[in-house]
Amino acid sequence: MKKPDAEQYRWFTWPTFLALIIAFSMVGLVIAQNPNERTVKPGPSPQDKDEINKKDGKIWVLDFKFKDPRLVKVDIPGRGQKVCWYLWYQVINNTDKPRRFVPDFEIRTTDTNTVHKDQILPKVQKAVIRLEDPTADPDDSDSGFYKIKNSVTIAKEEIPPSQPGVPPKTVTGVAIWDDVDPDANRFSIFITGLSNGWAVTDPIPPDIEPVVRRKTLQVNFKRLGDKFNQKSGEIQFIPPASWIYRAATVKIPPLGIANKDDAGKKE
C-alpha cells in the first residue's frame, strides 16, 4: 500500500488545528447563549369556534418564541433611574396568509395583585438593542441582525407566511415595563394579538354589557431573591404556557354589520 504523501497534509499545521478547535468551541457557545428560548406553538382553546390555522378557516394563530424576562437599569428622561423589565420575543406566521400582529402585553402579579401594561420607552429600547443585538445601531431599529421592534412598529407591516422546507421567517420585538412591583415574586404575562379568535359571553352581574373575550397566550414566571438585589437570572419560566380566552376592552359592533370573516360568535 502506498504511504500517504506528506505534501497532502502540509496544510494541517498546529495553528490550523487550534483554529478548528476554536471554531467548534464558538459553535457550542452560540448554542449555549440561548438556553432559555422557548417556542409556543398554536394551540386550541375550548371557546374556539373553528379549527385553528385551517385553510380558509376562521381562526388563525401565530407561533410565539420568547426568552425569560430580563432586567436592565436605565436613566429614563423625566422618570429617573429605573429597573426596567423586558421580554424579547419573535413571532412566526405558519398560516397560509400574511397576518398583522397588533400586540398587547400585560403583566399581572399573582402575589401582590398589580397590573402593568407594556410601554414604548425609546431609551430603554436602545439599551435592550445593545444587549440583545450587538450588530445593530441602537439609534436605528431597522439595523442589525434582529431589527428589534416595539409594540407599535411591529404592527406596521404584516407578518409574512413561512414556507415549508425552509427556515421560518421571524419578526423580533420587545415588550417593556418600568413599573413592575419589586415585591412581586410570581406573575403572568398575557399576550394578545397573536390570534384573531374572539368570543362574546353573557354579562357578569351586576354588569349589563356582554363580555368580549380574545384568544390570549398566558405564560407564567417566578422570581427568586428580593427587591433589593434584582437580577435577570432570578426570573424563571413555569410551564406550561396556555391559550385562553380573556376579557378585553373591545366594543361589540352593532348587529348586522360585523365582518363575516371574524372568528367570534355569541355563546
Protein backbone atom coordinates (compact mmCIF):
# COMPACT_ATOMS: atom_id res chain seq x y z
CA MET A 1 0.00 0.00 0.00
CA LYS A 2 1.31 3.43 -0.93
CA LYS A 3 2.17 5.60 2.08
CA PRO A 4 0.41 8.96 2.31
CA ASP A 5 2.35 11.77 0.76
CA ALA A 6 3.43 14.28 3.39
CA GLU A 7 2.51 17.03 0.91
CA GLN A 8 -1.13 16.06 1.30
CA TYR A 9 -1.13 17.07 4.97
CA ARG A 10 1.13 20.10 4.85
CA TRP A 11 -1.91 22.35 5.41
CA PHE A 12 -2.73 20.62 8.72
CA THR A 13 -0.42 22.61 10.98
CA TRP A 14 -0.75 23.28 14.69
CA PRO A 15 -2.21 26.79 14.07
CA THR A 16 -4.82 25.19 11.81
CA PHE A 17 -5.63 22.58 14.46
CA LEU A 18 -6.08 25.27 17.11
CA ALA A 19 -8.26 27.32 14.76
CA LEU A 20 -10.54 24.32 14.24
CA ILE A 21 -10.85 23.80 18.00
CA ILE A 22 -11.77 27.47 18.46
CA ALA A 23 -14.32 27.30 15.64
CA PHE A 24 -16.05 24.26 17.15
CA SER A 25 -15.98 25.96 20.56
CA MET A 26 -17.69 29.02 19.07
CA VAL A 27 -20.45 26.85 17.64
CA GLY A 28 -21.05 25.42 21.09
CA LEU A 29 -21.04 28.92 22.57
CA VAL A 30 -23.68 30.16 20.15
CA ILE A 31 -25.90 27.23 21.07
CA ALA A 32 -25.35 27.79 24.80
CA GLN A 33 -26.10 31.51 24.62
CA ASN A 34 -29.85 30.96 24.32
CA PRO A 35 -30.70 28.15 26.74
CA ASN A 36 -33.96 29.77 27.85
CA GLU A 37 -35.52 30.42 24.43
CA ARG A 38 -38.89 28.72 24.16
CA THR A 39 -41.40 28.39 21.34
CA VAL A 40 -45.14 28.17 21.92
CA LYS A 41 -47.00 26.57 19.04
CA PRO A 42 -50.62 27.46 18.25
CA GLY A 43 -53.00 25.52 20.44
CA PRO A 44 -56.77 25.04 20.77
CA SER A 45 -59.00 26.56 23.43
CA PRO A 46 -62.48 25.39 24.50
CA GLN A 47 -64.03 28.62 23.16
CA ASP A 48 -62.62 28.18 19.63
CA LYS A 49 -65.43 28.10 17.08
CA ASP A 50 -63.31 26.50 14.37
CA GLU A 51 -60.10 24.53 13.95
CA ILE A 52 -57.11 26.84 14.22
CA ASN A 53 -54.99 27.58 11.13
CA LYS A 54 -57.23 25.50 8.90
CA LYS A 55 -57.13 26.57 5.27
CA ASP A 56 -59.98 29.01 4.70
CA GLY A 57 -60.83 28.63 8.40
CA LYS A 58 -61.99 31.40 10.71
CA ILE A 59 -59.24 31.31 13.36
CA TRP A 60 -55.55 31.89 12.78
CA VAL A 61 -52.82 31.79 15.44
CA LEU A 62 -49.16 32.81 15.22
CA ASP A 63 -46.23 30.92 16.75
CA PHE A 64 -44.55 32.78 19.64
CA LYS A 65 -40.90 32.39 20.66
CA PHE A 66 -39.58 34.13 23.78
CA LYS A 67 -36.83 34.36 26.37
CA ASP A 68 -37.46 34.66 30.08
CA PRO A 69 -37.99 38.33 31.06
CA ARG A 70 -34.80 40.23 31.79
CA LEU A 71 -33.90 43.36 33.73
CA VAL A 72 -31.98 46.44 32.65
CA LYS A 73 -31.30 49.63 34.62
CA VAL A 74 -31.86 52.79 32.56
CA ASP A 75 -31.99 56.51 33.33
CA ILE A 76 -35.33 57.45 31.75
CA PRO A 77 -35.90 61.15 30.96
CA GLY A 78 -38.42 62.61 33.40
CA ARG A 79 -38.56 59.43 35.50
CA GLY A 80 -35.02 58.96 36.78
CA GLN A 81 -33.12 55.68 37.03
CA LYS A 82 -35.40 52.70 36.74
CA VAL A 83 -35.05 48.93 36.85
CA CYS A 84 -36.97 48.01 33.71
CA TRP A 85 -38.29 44.60 32.73
CA TYR A 86 -38.31 43.50 29.12
CA LEU A 87 -39.48 40.48 27.15
CA TRP A 88 -37.55 39.59 23.97
CA TYR A 89 -39.75 37.67 21.57
CA GLN A 90 -40.24 36.56 17.98
CA VAL A 91 -43.43 35.82 16.06
CA ILE A 92 -43.63 33.27 13.24
CA ASN A 93 -46.51 33.02 10.80
CA ASN A 94 -47.15 29.40 9.87
CA THR A 95 -50.56 30.17 8.38
CA ASP A 96 -51.34 30.46 4.68
CA LYS A 97 -51.62 34.27 4.53
CA PRO A 98 -49.83 37.40 5.82
CA ARG A 99 -51.14 38.35 9.27
CA ARG A 100 -50.98 41.65 11.14
CA PHE A 101 -49.73 41.38 14.72
CA VAL A 102 -51.08 44.21 16.89
CA PRO A 103 -49.75 43.17 20.30
CA ASP A 104 -50.91 43.90 23.80
CA PHE A 105 -48.64 42.76 26.64
CA GLU A 106 -49.80 42.80 30.24
CA ILE A 107 -48.03 41.66 33.39
CA ARG A 108 -50.29 40.66 36.27
CA THR A 109 -48.59 39.81 39.56
CA THR A 110 -50.35 36.94 41.28
CA ASP A 111 -48.92 37.51 44.77
CA THR A 112 -49.27 41.31 45.03
CA ASN A 113 -52.23 41.68 42.61
CA THR A 114 -50.90 44.51 40.44
CA VAL A 115 -51.28 45.08 36.68
CA HIS A 116 -48.64 46.55 34.37
CA LYS A 117 -49.03 47.43 30.68
CA ASP A 118 -46.25 47.33 28.08
CA GLN A 119 -44.83 50.80 27.36
CA ILE A 120 -42.99 52.48 24.49
CA LEU A 121 -39.75 53.74 26.07
CA PRO A 122 -37.18 54.63 23.36
CA LYS A 123 -34.19 54.91 25.69
CA VAL A 124 -34.94 51.52 27.24
CA GLN A 125 -35.41 50.02 23.79
CA LYS A 126 -31.95 51.29 22.80
CA ALA A 127 -30.45 49.68 25.91
CA VAL A 128 -32.18 46.39 25.05
CA ILE A 129 -30.87 46.53 21.48
CA ARG A 130 -27.30 46.97 22.79
CA LEU A 131 -27.73 43.88 24.95
CA GLU A 132 -29.63 41.64 22.55
CA ASP A 133 -28.18 42.60 19.14
CA PRO A 134 -24.60 43.96 19.16
CA THR A 135 -24.71 44.12 15.34
CA ALA A 136 -27.39 46.84 15.44
CA ASP A 137 -27.19 50.62 15.68
CA PRO A 138 -29.33 51.44 18.75
CA ASP A 139 -30.48 54.65 17.03
CA ASP A 140 -31.79 52.67 14.05
CA SER A 141 -34.28 49.95 14.95
CA ASP A 142 -34.19 48.68 11.36
CA SER A 143 -30.49 47.85 11.60
CA GLY A 144 -28.75 44.75 12.88
CA PHE A 145 -29.49 41.07 12.59
CA TYR A 146 -32.78 41.04 14.54
CA LYS A 147 -34.19 44.53 13.74
CA ILE A 148 -35.88 44.62 17.15
CA LYS A 149 -39.25 46.40 17.06
CA ASN A 150 -41.52 47.75 19.77
CA SER A 151 -45.26 47.13 20.14
CA VAL A 152 -46.12 49.95 17.72
CA THR A 153 -43.55 49.46 14.96
CA ILE A 154 -44.07 45.69 14.81
CA ALA A 155 -47.69 46.30 13.80
CA LYS A 156 -46.83 48.49 10.81
CA GLU A 157 -46.25 45.56 8.45
CA GLU A 158 -47.93 42.18 8.20
CA ILE A 159 -46.03 39.10 9.33
CA PRO A 160 -45.22 37.15 6.13
CA PRO A 161 -46.12 33.46 5.99
CA SER A 162 -43.29 30.96 6.31
CA GLN A 163 -42.81 28.37 3.59
CA PRO A 164 -42.47 24.60 4.21
CA GLY A 165 -38.97 23.18 3.98
CA VAL A 166 -37.12 26.46 4.57
CA PRO A 167 -36.15 28.28 7.79
CA PRO A 168 -39.15 30.20 9.18
CA LYS A 169 -39.42 33.96 8.73
CA THR A 170 -39.18 35.53 12.19
CA VAL A 171 -40.02 39.06 13.27
CA THR A 172 -38.39 40.17 16.52
CA GLY A 173 -39.87 42.51 19.10
CA VAL A 174 -39.52 43.66 22.69
CA ALA A 175 -42.12 44.46 25.34
CA ILE A 176 -41.00 46.87 28.10
CA TRP A 177 -42.20 47.74 31.60
CA ASP A 178 -40.69 50.27 34.03
CA ASP A 179 -43.20 49.89 36.86
CA VAL A 180 -43.31 46.19 37.83
CA ASP A 181 -43.92 45.77 41.54
CA PRO A 182 -40.49 44.95 43.07
CA ASP A 183 -42.18 42.97 45.86
CA ALA A 184 -43.78 40.56 43.38
CA ASN A 185 -42.28 37.09 43.01
CA ARG A 186 -44.95 35.41 40.92
CA PHE A 187 -46.52 36.84 37.81
CA SER A 188 -48.16 36.05 34.48
CA ILE A 189 -47.65 37.74 31.13
CA PHE A 190 -50.70 37.84 28.85
CA ILE A 191 -50.04 38.35 25.12
CA THR A 192 -52.99 39.35 22.96
CA GLY A 193 -52.84 39.86 19.18
CA LEU A 194 -51.35 36.50 18.24
CA SER A 195 -54.78 35.35 17.06
CA ASN A 196 -57.99 36.78 15.64
CA GLY A 197 -60.08 34.46 17.82
CA TRP A 198 -62.72 36.10 19.98
CA ALA A 199 -65.98 35.25 21.69
CA VAL A 200 -68.82 37.13 23.38
CA THR A 201 -70.19 35.84 26.67
CA ASP A 202 -73.13 36.89 28.82
CA PRO A 203 -72.73 39.82 31.22
CA ILE A 204 -71.31 39.18 34.68
CA PRO A 205 -73.77 40.69 37.19
CA PRO A 206 -74.14 43.47 38.15
CA ASP A 207 -72.76 44.49 34.73
CA ILE A 208 -75.25 44.51 31.89
CA GLU A 209 -72.87 44.63 28.91
CA PRO A 210 -71.77 41.37 27.25
CA VAL A 211 -68.11 40.44 27.78
CA VAL A 212 -65.79 40.27 24.77
CA ARG A 213 -63.01 37.71 25.21
CA ARG A 214 -59.96 37.40 22.94
CA LYS A 215 -57.74 34.39 22.39
CA THR A 216 -54.67 35.14 24.51
CA LEU A 217 -51.39 33.43 25.36
CA GLN A 218 -50.59 33.17 29.08
CA VAL A 219 -47.04 32.47 30.28
CA ASN A 220 -46.19 32.22 33.97
CA PHE A 221 -42.98 33.03 35.84
CA LYS A 222 -41.49 33.14 39.30
CA ARG A 223 -38.72 35.41 40.59
CA LEU A 224 -36.24 34.34 43.23
CA GLY A 225 -34.45 36.80 45.51
CA ASP A 226 -35.75 40.10 46.87
CA LYS A 227 -36.42 43.63 45.65
CA PHE A 228 -33.06 44.97 46.87
CA ASN A 229 -30.91 42.88 44.53
CA GLN A 230 -32.93 42.14 41.40
CA LYS A 231 -31.18 40.07 38.72
CA SER A 232 -32.29 38.72 35.34
CA GLY A 233 -31.18 35.19 36.16
CA GLU A 234 -33.65 35.01 39.04
CA ILE A 235 -36.68 35.03 36.73
CA GLN A 236 -37.76 31.52 35.73
CA PHE A 237 -40.49 30.21 33.45
CA ILE A 238 -43.19 27.99 34.99
CA PRO A 239 -44.54 25.62 32.32
CA PRO A 240 -46.81 25.09 30.58
CA ALA A 241 -47.87 28.08 28.50
CA SER A 242 -51.62 28.13 27.83
CA TRP A 243 -54.05 29.54 25.28
CA ILE A 244 -57.08 31.11 26.96
CA TYR A 245 -59.94 33.47 26.11
CA ARG A 246 -59.56 36.59 28.24
CA ALA A 247 -61.81 39.59 28.75
CA ALA A 248 -60.83 42.59 26.64
CA THR A 249 -61.93 46.21 26.42
CA VAL A 250 -63.48 45.90 22.97
CA LYS A 251 -66.86 47.34 21.94
CA ILE A 252 -69.30 45.00 20.26
CA PRO A 253 -70.25 46.13 16.74
CA PRO A 254 -73.96 46.73 16.07
CA LEU A 255 -75.84 43.69 14.85
CA GLY A 256 -75.83 43.21 11.10
CA ILE A 257 -72.51 44.94 10.30
CA ALA A 258 -70.00 42.52 11.84
CA ASN A 259 -67.32 41.27 9.48
CA LYS A 260 -68.33 37.87 8.12
CA ASP A 261 -64.70 36.72 8.37
CA ASP A 262 -64.46 37.42 12.12
CA ALA A 263 -63.81 34.41 14.30
CA GLY A 264 -66.11 35.23 17.20
CA LYS A 265 -69.62 34.04 17.91
CA LYS A 266 -72.10 34.65 20.67
CA GLU A 267 -72.02 31.87 23.21
